[in-house]
Amino acid sequence: MSSTKEVPGTVADRSWRRGLYLLTAALTCPCHLPIYLLILGGTSVGAALQDNIGLALLGLTVIFILALTRGLRRPGQGKIQSKDM
């Protein structure tokens, strides 16, 4: 009998996580900050972003780079695979 459960670490599980990382990278891209300021203008979140634009830009940049590198990583890259003989 075959099992329909997904085992953590399988290709489908990694693909789902990879897509989530790429979506996060797209949403936190620092070039979108002016768009966020326009959309959130007149709200308390927009005012906080406007007052701390340098910090917001730094935070978005860091999250963007981390999410993009995780999302573009090839499956299995960075993991040490051992062979038992």
PDB file of N, CA and C in Angstrom:
ATOM      1  N   MET A   1       0.837  -1.179   0.000  1.00  0.00           N
ATOM      2  CA  MET A   1       0.000   0.000   0.000  1.00  0.00           C
ATOM      3  C   MET A   1       0.880   1.239   0.000  1.00  0.00           C
ATOM      4  N   SER A   2       0.444   2.230  -0.701  1.00  0.00           N
ATOM      5  CA  SER A   2       1.214   3.474  -0.725  1.00  0.00           C
ATOM      6  C   SER A   2       0.582   4.489   0.218  1.00  0.00           C
ATOM      7  N   SER A   3       1.423   5.243   0.837  1.00  0.00           N
ATOM      8  CA  SER A   3       0.980   6.256   1.788  1.00  0.00           C
ATOM      9  C   SER A   3       0.833   7.589   1.066  1.00  0.00           C
ATOM     10  N   THR A   4      -0.204   8.359   1.390  1.00  0.00           N
ATOM     11  CA  THR A   4      -0.423   9.650   0.756  1.00  0.00           C
ATOM     12  C   THR A   4       0.101  10.800   1.602  1.00  0.00           C
ATOM     13  N   LYS A   5       0.670  10.491   2.766  1.00  0.00           N
ATOM     14  CA  LYS A   5       1.215  11.539   3.614  1.00  0.00           C
ATOM     15  C   LYS A   5       2.510  12.066   3.020  1.00  0.00           C
ATOM     16  N   GLU A   6       2.715  13.401   3.178  1.00  0.00           N
ATOM     17  CA  GLU A   6       3.982  13.987   2.752  1.00  0.00           C
ATOM     18  C   GLU A   6       4.952  13.931   3.908  1.00  0.00           C
ATOM     19  N   VAL A   7       6.102  13.421   3.630  1.00  0.00           N
ATOM     20  CA  VAL A   7       7.145  13.348   4.627  1.00  0.00           C
ATOM     21  C   VAL A   7       7.895  14.679   4.606  1.00  0.00           C
ATOM     22  N   PRO A   8       8.125  15.310   5.778  1.00  0.00           N
ATOM     23  CA  PRO A   8       8.879  16.563   5.783  1.00  0.00           C
ATOM     24  C   PRO A   8      10.237  16.374   5.131  1.00  0.00           C
ATOM     25  N   GLY A   9      10.586  17.321   4.271  1.00  0.00           N
ATOM     26  CA  GLY A   9      11.864  17.230   3.591  1.00  0.00           C
ATOM     27  C   GLY A   9      11.751  16.635   2.202  1.00  0.00           C
ATOM     28  N   THR A  10      10.547  16.221   1.787  1.00  0.00           N
ATOM     29  CA  THR A  10      10.390  15.676   0.450  1.00  0.00           C
ATOM     30  C   THR A  10      10.405  16.812  -0.565  1.00  0.00           C
ATOM     31  N   VAL A  11      10.441  16.471  -1.830  1.00  0.00           N
ATOM     32  CA  VAL A  11      10.506  17.467  -2.897  1.00  0.00           C
ATOM     33  C   VAL A  11       9.282  18.374  -2.857  1.00  0.00           C
ATOM     34  N   ALA A  12       8.099  17.821  -2.630  1.00  0.00           N
ATOM     35  CA  ALA A  12       6.885  18.636  -2.592  1.00  0.00           C
ATOM     36  C   ALA A  12       6.913  19.604  -1.419  1.00  0.00           C
ATOM     37  N   ASP A  13       7.426  19.153  -0.283  1.00  0.00           N
ATOM     38  CA  ASP A  13       7.519  20.023   0.886  1.00  0.00           C
ATOM     39  C   ASP A  13       8.502  21.153   0.635  1.00  0.00           C
ATOM     40  N   ARG A  14       9.644  20.849   0.035  1.00  0.00           N
ATOM     41  CA  ARG A  14      10.635  21.883  -0.267  1.00  0.00           C
ATOM     42  C   ARG A  14      10.109  22.854  -1.309  1.00  0.00           C
ATOM     43  N   SER A  15       9.349  22.378  -2.266  1.00  0.00           N
ATOM     44  CA  SER A  15       8.798  23.231  -3.302  1.00  0.00           C
ATOM     45  C   SER A  15       7.819  24.235  -2.706  1.00  0.00           C
ATOM     46  N   TRP A  16       7.013  23.795  -1.772  1.00  0.00           N
ATOM     47  CA  TRP A  16       6.049  24.674  -1.120  1.00  0.00           C
ATOM     48  C   TRP A  16       6.785  25.759  -0.328  1.00  0.00           C
ATOM     49  N   ARG A  17       7.802  25.343   0.433  1.00  0.00           N
ATOM     50  CA  ARG A  17       8.576  26.311   1.217  1.00  0.00           C
ATOM     51  C   ARG A  17       9.330  27.275   0.311  1.00  0.00           C
ATOM     52  N   ARG A  18       9.842  26.773  -0.784  1.00  0.00           N
ATOM     53  CA  ARG A  18      10.573  27.608  -1.729  1.00  0.00           C
ATOM     54  C   ARG A  18       9.653  28.689  -2.313  1.00  0.00           C
ATOM     55  N   GLY A  19       8.441  28.308  -2.649  1.00  0.00           N
ATOM     56  CA  GLY A  19       7.468  29.281  -3.150  1.00  0.00           C
ATOM     57  C   GLY A  19       7.112  30.327  -2.106  1.00  0.00           C
ATOM     58  N   LEU A  20       7.020  29.922  -0.858  1.00  0.00           N
ATOM     59  CA  LEU A  20       6.721  30.854   0.216  1.00  0.00           C
ATOM     60  C   LEU A  20       7.868  31.845   0.406  1.00  0.00           C
ATOM     61  N   TYR A  21       9.091  31.367   0.320  1.00  0.00           N
ATOM     62  CA  TYR A  21      10.242  32.270   0.421  1.00  0.00           C
ATOM     63  C   TYR A  21      10.254  33.271  -0.737  1.00  0.00           C
ATOM     64  N   LEU A  22       9.961  32.813  -1.945  1.00  0.00           N
ATOM     65  CA  LEU A  22       9.960  33.713  -3.093  1.00  0.00           C
ATOM     66  C   LEU A  22       8.825  34.733  -3.013  1.00  0.00           C
ATOM     67  N   LEU A  23       7.677  34.333  -2.488  1.00  0.00           N
ATOM     68  CA  LEU A  23       6.578  35.275  -2.289  1.00  0.00           C
ATOM     69  C   LEU A  23       6.962  36.322  -1.250  1.00  0.00           C
ATOM     70  N   THR A  24       7.606  35.893  -0.182  1.00  0.00           N
ATOM     71  CA  THR A  24       8.072  36.829   0.843  1.00  0.00           C
ATOM     72  C   THR A  24       9.082  37.805   0.246  1.00  0.00           C
ATOM     73  N   ALA A  25       9.977  37.310  -0.593  1.00  0.00           N
ATOM     74  CA  ALA A  25      10.965  38.183  -1.240  1.00  0.00           C
ATOM     75  C   ALA A  25      10.275  39.210  -2.135  1.00  0.00           C
ATOM     76  N   ALA A  26       9.255  38.789  -2.851  1.00  0.00           N
ATOM     77  CA  ALA A  26       8.543  39.717  -3.732  1.00  0.00           C
ATOM     78  C   ALA A  26       7.816  40.796  -2.933  1.00  0.00           C
ATOM     79  N   LEU A  27       7.252  40.428  -1.803  1.00  0.00           N
ATOM     80  CA  LEU A  27       6.509  41.399  -0.997  1.00  0.00           C
ATOM     81  C   LEU A  27       7.415  42.343  -0.219  1.00  0.00           C
ATOM     82  N   THR A  28       8.613  41.897   0.122  1.00  0.00           N
ATOM     83  CA  THR A  28       9.511  42.730   0.918  1.00  0.00           C
ATOM     84  C   THR A  28      10.589  43.402   0.085  1.00  0.00           C
ATOM     85  N   CYS A  29      10.478  43.358  -1.208  1.00  0.00           N
ATOM     86  CA  CYS A  29      11.451  44.023  -2.075  1.00  0.00           C
ATOM     87  C   CYS A  29      11.463  45.516  -1.729  1.00  0.00           C
ATOM     88  N   PRO A  30      12.640  46.083  -1.480  1.00  0.00           N
ATOM     89  CA  PRO A  30      12.712  47.481  -1.072  1.00  0.00           C
ATOM     90  C   PRO A  30      12.175  48.469  -2.118  1.00  0.00           C
ATOM     91  N   CYS A  31      12.125  48.067  -3.358  1.00  0.00           N
ATOM     92  CA  CYS A  31      11.597  48.972  -4.381  1.00  0.00           C
ATOM     93  C   CYS A  31      10.083  49.164  -4.238  1.00  0.00           C
ATOM     94  N   HIS A  32       9.424  48.309  -3.470  1.00  0.00           N
ATOM     95  CA  HIS A  32       7.993  48.437  -3.249  1.00  0.00           C
ATOM     96  C   HIS A  32       7.640  49.395  -2.119  1.00  0.00           C
ATOM     97  N   LEU A  33       8.626  49.921  -1.414  1.00  0.00           N
ATOM     98  CA  LEU A  33       8.359  50.807  -0.276  1.00  0.00           C
ATOM     99  C   LEU A  33       7.546  52.044  -0.668  1.00  0.00           C
ATOM    100  N   PRO A  34       7.830  52.717  -1.792  1.00  0.00           N
ATOM    101  CA  PRO A  34       6.972  53.855  -2.167  1.00  0.00           C
ATOM    102  C   PRO A  34       5.514  53.450  -2.422  1.00  0.00           C
ATOM    103  N   ILE A  35       5.317  52.266  -2.952  1.00  0.00           N
ATOM    104  CA  ILE A  35       3.958  51.780  -3.179  1.00  0.00           C
ATOM    105  C   ILE A  35       3.256  51.550  -1.849  1.00  0.00           C
ATOM    106  N   TYR A  36       3.976  50.961  -0.877  1.00  0.00           N
ATOM    107  CA  TYR A  36       3.396  50.743   0.448  1.00  0.00           C
ATOM    108  C   TYR A  36       3.060  52.064   1.114  1.00  0.00           C
ATOM    109  N   LEU A  37       3.914  53.073   0.922  1.00  0.00           N
ATOM    110  CA  LEU A  37       3.639  54.386   1.510  1.00  0.00           C
ATOM    111  C   LEU A  37       2.399  55.016   0.889  1.00  0.00           C
ATOM    112  N   LEU A  38       2.192  54.818  -0.406  1.00  0.00           N
ATOM    113  CA  LEU A  38       0.984  55.345  -1.055  1.00  0.00           C
ATOM    114  C   LEU A  38      -0.275  54.613  -0.580  1.00  0.00           C
ATOM    115  N   ILE A  39      -0.175  53.287  -0.499  1.00  0.00           N
ATOM    116  CA  ILE A  39      -1.343  52.496  -0.087  1.00  0.00           C
ATOM    117  C   ILE A  39      -1.699  52.761   1.367  1.00  0.00           C
ATOM    118  N   LEU A  40      -0.680  52.849   2.222  1.00  0.00           N
ATOM    119  CA  LEU A  40      -0.914  53.002   3.653  1.00  0.00           C
ATOM    120  C   LEU A  40      -0.959  54.463   4.100  1.00  0.00           C
ATOM    121  N   GLY A  41      -0.905  55.397   3.155  1.00  0.00           N
ATOM    122  CA  GLY A  41      -0.946  56.818   3.501  1.00  0.00           C
ATOM    123  C   GLY A  41      -2.229  57.156   4.249  1.00  0.00           C
ATOM    124  N   GLY A  42      -2.102  57.933   5.316  1.00  0.00           N
ATOM    125  CA  GLY A  42      -3.258  58.318   6.119  1.00  0.00           C
ATOM    126  C   GLY A  42      -3.561  57.351   7.251  1.00  0.00           C
ATOM    127  N   THR A  43      -2.799  56.283   7.349  1.00  0.00           N
ATOM    128  CA  THR A  43      -2.995  55.332   8.438  1.00  0.00           C
ATOM    129  C   THR A  43      -1.831  55.463   9.416  1.00  0.00           C
ATOM    130  N   SER A  44      -2.001  54.878  10.576  1.00  0.00           N
ATOM    131  CA  SER A  44      -0.919  54.951  11.562  1.00  0.00           C
ATOM    132  C   SER A  44       0.300  54.140  11.103  1.00  0.00           C
ATOM    133  N   VAL A  45       0.069  53.056  10.377  1.00  0.00           N
ATOM    134  CA  VAL A  45       1.193  52.265   9.851  1.00  0.00           C
ATOM    135  C   VAL A  45       1.953  53.080   8.808  1.00  0.00           C
ATOM    136  N   GLY A  46       1.236  53.785   7.952  1.00  0.00           N
ATOM    137  CA  GLY A  46       1.876  54.639   6.953  1.00  0.00           C
ATOM    138  C   GLY A  46       2.665  55.763   7.596  1.00  0.00           C
ATOM    139  N   ALA A  47       2.143  56.334   8.664  1.00  0.00           N
ATOM    140  CA  ALA A  47       2.856  57.398   9.379  1.00  0.00           C
ATOM    141  C   ALA A  47       4.119  56.852  10.023  1.00  0.00           C
ATOM    142  N   ALA A  48       4.035  55.664  10.587  1.00  0.00           N
ATOM    143  CA  ALA A  48       5.214  55.052  11.207  1.00  0.00           C
ATOM    144  C   ALA A  48       6.273  54.743  10.152  1.00  0.00           C
ATOM    145  N   LEU A  49       5.847  54.268   8.992  1.00  0.00           N
ATOM    146  CA  LEU A  49       6.801  54.004   7.905  1.00  0.00           C
ATOM    147  C   LEU A  49       7.458  55.299   7.434  1.00  0.00           C
ATOM    148  N   GLN A  50       6.649  56.346   7.305  1.00  0.00           N
ATOM    149  CA  GLN A  50       7.173  57.636   6.844  1.00  0.00           C
ATOM    150  C   GLN A  50       8.180  58.211   7.841  1.00  0.00           C
ATOM    151  N   ASP A  51       7.907  58.066   9.132  1.00  0.00           N
ATOM    152  CA  ASP A  51       8.807  58.589  10.158  1.00  0.00           C
ATOM    153  C   ASP A  51      10.095  57.777  10.257  1.00  0.00           C
ATOM    154  N   ASN A  52      10.037  56.502   9.951  1.00  0.00           N
ATOM    155  CA  ASN A  52      11.199  55.612  10.068  1.00  0.00           C
ATOM    156  C   ASN A  52      11.545  54.983   8.729  1.00  0.00           C
ATOM    157  N   ILE A  53      11.619  55.797   7.697  1.00  0.00           N
ATOM    158  CA  ILE A  53      11.803  55.258   6.351  1.00  0.00           C
ATOM    159  C   ILE A  53      13.165  54.571   6.183  1.00  0.00           C
ATOM    160  N   GLY A  54      14.192  55.088   6.820  1.00  0.00           N
ATOM    161  CA  GLY A  54      15.513  54.461   6.721  1.00  0.00           C
ATOM    162  C   GLY A  54      15.542  53.089   7.380  1.00  0.00           C
ATOM    163  N   LEU A  55      14.942  52.992   8.548  1.00  0.00           N
ATOM    164  CA  LEU A  55      14.871  51.718   9.255  1.00  0.00           C
ATOM    165  C   LEU A  55      14.000  50.714   8.492  1.00  0.00           C
ATOM    166  N   ALA A  56      12.900  51.210   7.925  1.00  0.00           N
ATOM    167  CA  ALA A  56      12.020  50.341   7.134  1.00  0.00           C
ATOM    168  C   ALA A  56      12.750  49.828   5.893  1.00  0.00           C
ATOM    169  N   LEU A  57      13.511  50.702   5.255  1.00  0.00           N
ATOM    170  CA  LEU A  57      14.268  50.296   4.070  1.00  0.00           C
ATOM    171  C   LEU A  57      15.331  49.258   4.421  1.00  0.00           C
ATOM    172  N   LEU A  58      16.012  49.463   5.534  1.00  0.00           N
ATOM    173  CA  LEU A  58      17.020  48.501   5.974  1.00  0.00           C
ATOM    174  C   LEU A  58      16.375  47.152   6.307  1.00  0.00           C
ATOM    175  N   GLY A  59      15.279  47.183   7.044  1.00  0.00           N
ATOM    176  CA  GLY A  59      14.586  45.944   7.413  1.00  0.00           C
ATOM    177  C   GLY A  59      14.067  45.184   6.206  1.00  0.00           C
ATOM    178  N   LEU A  60      13.447  45.900   5.274  1.00  0.00           N
ATOM    179  CA  LEU A  60      12.942  45.247   4.064  1.00  0.00           C
ATOM    180  C   LEU A  60      14.077  44.658   3.239  1.00  0.00           C
ATOM    181  N   THR A  61      15.204  45.357   3.171  1.00  0.00           N
ATOM    182  CA  THR A  61      16.336  44.873   2.396  1.00  0.00           C
ATOM    183  C   THR A  61      16.896  43.578   2.985  1.00  0.00           C
ATOM    184  N   VAL A  62      17.044  43.545   4.303  1.00  0.00           N
ATOM    185  CA  VAL A  62      17.580  42.348   4.956  1.00  0.00           C
ATOM    186  C   VAL A  62      16.647  41.160   4.746  1.00  0.00           C
ATOM    187  N   ILE A  63      15.344  41.364   4.976  1.00  0.00           N
ATOM    188  CA  ILE A  63      14.374  40.273   4.797  1.00  0.00           C
ATOM    189  C   ILE A  63      14.334  39.834   3.337  1.00  0.00           C
ATOM    190  N   PHE A  64      14.398  40.792   2.413  1.00  0.00           N
ATOM    191  CA  PHE A  64      14.376  40.484   0.985  1.00  0.00           C
ATOM    192  C   PHE A  64      15.556  39.607   0.590  1.00  0.00           C
ATOM    193  N   ILE A  65      16.757  39.971   1.022  1.00  0.00           N
ATOM    194  CA  ILE A  65      17.954  39.210   0.654  1.00  0.00           C
ATOM    195  C   ILE A  65      17.908  37.801   1.237  1.00  0.00           C
ATOM    196  N   LEU A  66      17.515  37.687   2.512  1.00  0.00           N
ATOM    197  CA  LEU A  66      17.435  36.363   3.131  1.00  0.00           C
ATOM    198  C   LEU A  66      16.389  35.475   2.445  1.00  0.00           C
ATOM    199  N   ALA A  67      15.211  36.034   2.183  1.00  0.00           N
ATOM    200  CA  ALA A  67      14.153  35.243   1.549  1.00  0.00           C
ATOM    201  C   ALA A  67      14.523  34.870   0.118  1.00  0.00           C
ATOM    202  N   LEU A  68      15.167  35.787  -0.595  1.00  0.00           N
ATOM    203  CA  LEU A  68      15.538  35.500  -1.978  1.00  0.00           C
ATOM    204  C   LEU A  68      16.615  34.419  -2.056  1.00  0.00           C
ATOM    205  N   THR A  69      17.598  34.480  -1.176  1.00  0.00           N
ATOM    206  CA  THR A  69      18.630  33.447  -1.216  1.00  0.00           C
ATOM    207  C   THR A  69      18.071  32.094  -0.823  1.00  0.00           C
ATOM    208  N   ARG A  70      17.155  32.053   0.134  1.00  0.00           N
ATOM    209  CA  ARG A  70      16.536  30.770   0.510  1.00  0.00           C
ATOM    210  C   ARG A  70      15.617  30.257  -0.607  1.00  0.00           C
ATOM    211  N   GLY A  71      14.901  31.152  -1.266  1.00  0.00           N
ATOM    212  CA  GLY A  71      13.978  30.740  -2.319  1.00  0.00           C
ATOM    213  C   GLY A  71      14.661  30.275  -3.589  1.00  0.00           C
ATOM    214  N   LEU A  72      15.833  30.828  -3.876  1.00  0.00           N
ATOM    215  CA  LEU A  72      16.539  30.462  -5.102  1.00  0.00           C
ATOM    216  C   LEU A  72      17.536  29.331  -4.906  1.00  0.00           C
ATOM    217  N   ARG A  73      17.677  28.869  -3.687  1.00  0.00           N
ATOM    218  CA  ARG A  73      18.590  27.759  -3.408  1.00  0.00           C
ATOM    219  C   ARG A  73      18.073  26.487  -4.074  1.00  0.00           C
ATOM    220  N   ARG A  74      18.968  25.779  -4.706  1.00  0.00           N
ATOM    221  CA  ARG A  74      18.571  24.522  -5.343  1.00  0.00           C
ATOM    222  C   ARG A  74      18.257  23.471  -4.290  1.00  0.00           C
ATOM    223  N   PRO A  75      17.328  22.573  -4.573  1.00  0.00           N
ATOM    224  CA  PRO A  75      17.021  21.514  -3.607  1.00  0.00           C
ATOM    225  C   PRO A  75      18.259  20.684  -3.295  1.00  0.00           C
ATOM    226  N   GLY A  76      18.510  20.486  -2.020  1.00  0.00           N
ATOM    227  CA  GLY A  76      19.640  19.688  -1.593  1.00  0.00           C
ATOM    228  C   GLY A  76      20.935  20.462  -1.467  1.00  0.00           C
ATOM    229  N   GLN A  77      20.945  21.719  -1.913  1.00  0.00           N
ATOM    230  CA  GLN A  77      22.162  22.515  -1.837  1.00  0.00           C
ATOM    231  C   GLN A  77      22.422  22.921  -0.391  1.00  0.00           C
ATOM    232  N   GLY A  78      23.632  22.828   0.042  1.00  0.00           N
ATOM    233  CA  GLY A  78      23.997  23.245   1.387  1.00  0.00           C
ATOM    234  C   GLY A  78      23.856  22.143   2.418  1.00  0.00           C
ATOM    235  N   LYS A  79      23.382  20.992   2.027  1.00  0.00           N
ATOM    236  CA  LYS A  79      23.244  19.876   2.937  1.00  0.00           C
ATOM    237  C   LYS A  79      24.326  18.852   2.650  1.00  0.00           C
ATOM    238  N   ILE A  80      24.898  18.309   3.680  1.00  0.00           N
ATOM    239  CA  ILE A  80      25.913  17.275   3.523  1.00  0.00           C
ATOM    240  C   ILE A  80      25.196  15.921   3.506  1.00  0.00           C
ATOM    241  N   GLN A  81      25.412  15.200   2.438  1.00  0.00           N
ATOM    242  CA  GLN A  81      24.791  13.891   2.301  1.00  0.00           C
ATOM    243  C   GLN A  81      25.866  12.835   2.522  1.00  0.00           C
ATOM    244  N   SER A  82      25.614  11.935   3.430  1.00  0.00           N
ATOM    245  CA  SER A  82      26.591  10.884   3.702  1.00  0.00           C
ATOM    246  C   SER A  82      26.090   9.574   3.098  1.00  0.00           C
ATOM    247  N   LYS A  83      27.030   8.777   2.675  1.00  0.00           N
ATOM    248  CA  LYS A  83      26.692   7.467   2.139  1.00  0.00           C
ATOM    249  C   LYS A  83      27.187   6.421   3.112  1.00  0.00           C
ATOM    250  N   ASP A  84      26.286   5.591   3.535  1.00  0.00           N
ATOM    251  CA  ASP A  84      26.670   4.476   4.410  1.00  0.00           C
ATOM    252  C   ASP A  84      27.112   3.308   3.559  1.00  0.00           C
ATOM    253  N   MET A  85      28.270   2.782   3.864  1.00  0.00           N
ATOM    254  CA  MET A  85      28.782   1.659   3.070  1.00  0.00           C
ATOM    255  C   MET A  85      28.872   0.434   3.923  1.00  0.00           C
TER     256      MET A  85
END
